[in-house]
Protein backbone atom coordinates (compact mmCIF):
# COMPACT_ATOMS: atom_id res chain seq x y z
CA MET A 1 -0.30 -0.70 0.15
CA TYR A 2 1.07 3.39 -0.68
CA VAL A 3 1.78 5.73 1.97
CA CYS A 4 2.23 8.85 -0.26
CA ASN A 5 0.51 8.38 -4.12
CA CYS A 6 3.00 11.35 -5.44
CA ASN A 7 5.99 9.59 -4.51
CA ALA A 8 5.65 6.33 -4.21
CA ILE A 9 6.70 5.54 -1.14
CA ARG A 10 4.65 2.66 0.60
CA GLU A 11 4.14 1.88 4.07
CA ARG A 12 7.19 -0.49 3.72
CA ASP A 13 9.54 2.25 2.80
CA ALA A 14 7.93 3.96 5.51
CA ARG A 15 8.35 2.23 8.33
CA ASN A 16 12.03 1.26 7.19
CA ALA A 17 12.66 4.80 7.14
CA ILE A 18 10.99 5.11 11.07
CA GLU A 19 13.37 1.93 12.17
CA SER A 20 15.78 3.15 10.72
CA GLY A 21 15.64 6.16 13.33
CA ALA A 22 13.68 9.15 11.43
CA SER A 23 11.24 10.79 13.37
CA THR A 24 9.95 12.92 12.31
CA VAL A 25 7.90 13.26 8.62
CA LYS A 26 10.34 15.35 6.93
CA ALA A 27 13.52 12.80 8.20
CA VAL A 28 10.86 10.18 6.53
CA PHE A 29 11.13 11.79 3.23
CA ASP A 30 14.89 12.60 3.71
CA HIS A 31 15.36 8.97 3.89
CA CYS A 32 13.29 7.73 0.61
CA ALA A 33 15.31 10.71 -1.36
CA THR A 34 12.02 12.54 -2.08
CA ARG A 35 9.82 16.16 -0.59
CA PRO A 36 6.49 16.05 -0.01
CA GLN A 37 4.42 17.48 -2.57
CA CYS A 38 0.74 17.58 -2.20
CA ALA A 39 1.21 17.25 1.33
CA LYS A 40 -2.02 14.32 1.82
CA CYS A 41 0.43 11.64 3.45
CA VAL A 42 1.63 14.04 6.28
CA CYS A 43 -0.55 12.83 8.82
CA ASP A 44 -0.82 9.48 7.90
CA ILE A 45 3.48 9.41 8.43
CA ARG A 46 3.13 11.46 11.60
CA GLN A 47 0.99 8.20 12.66
CA MET A 48 2.87 5.77 11.63
CA ILE A 49 6.39 7.49 13.89
CA ASP A 50 4.13 7.91 16.51
CA ASP A 51 2.48 4.55 16.70
CA ALA A 52 6.34 3.54 16.18
CA GLN A 53 7.59 5.65 19.59
CA ILE A 54 4.65 4.17 21.46
CA ALA A 55 5.83 1.02 20.65
CA MET A 56 9.18 1.19 21.40
CA SER A 57 7.94 2.60 25.01
CA MET A 58 5.75 0.24 25.54
CA ALA A 59 8.65 -2.40 24.48
CA ALA A 60 11.20 -1.05 27.16
CA GLU A 61 8.68 -1.24 30.57
């Protein structure tokens, strides 16, 4: 599934970026070597980052 249609960023690409340390939407785009265009995906990517951070904090407990 695509998270960003404009740049063809797939959900797995965004997750790989987040797992590699991307903690901001900009960092995800940098990791994918692209920039946001229409910005419709920004909220979804931000939610993915938040979910990953919550999961990591819960795993650390």
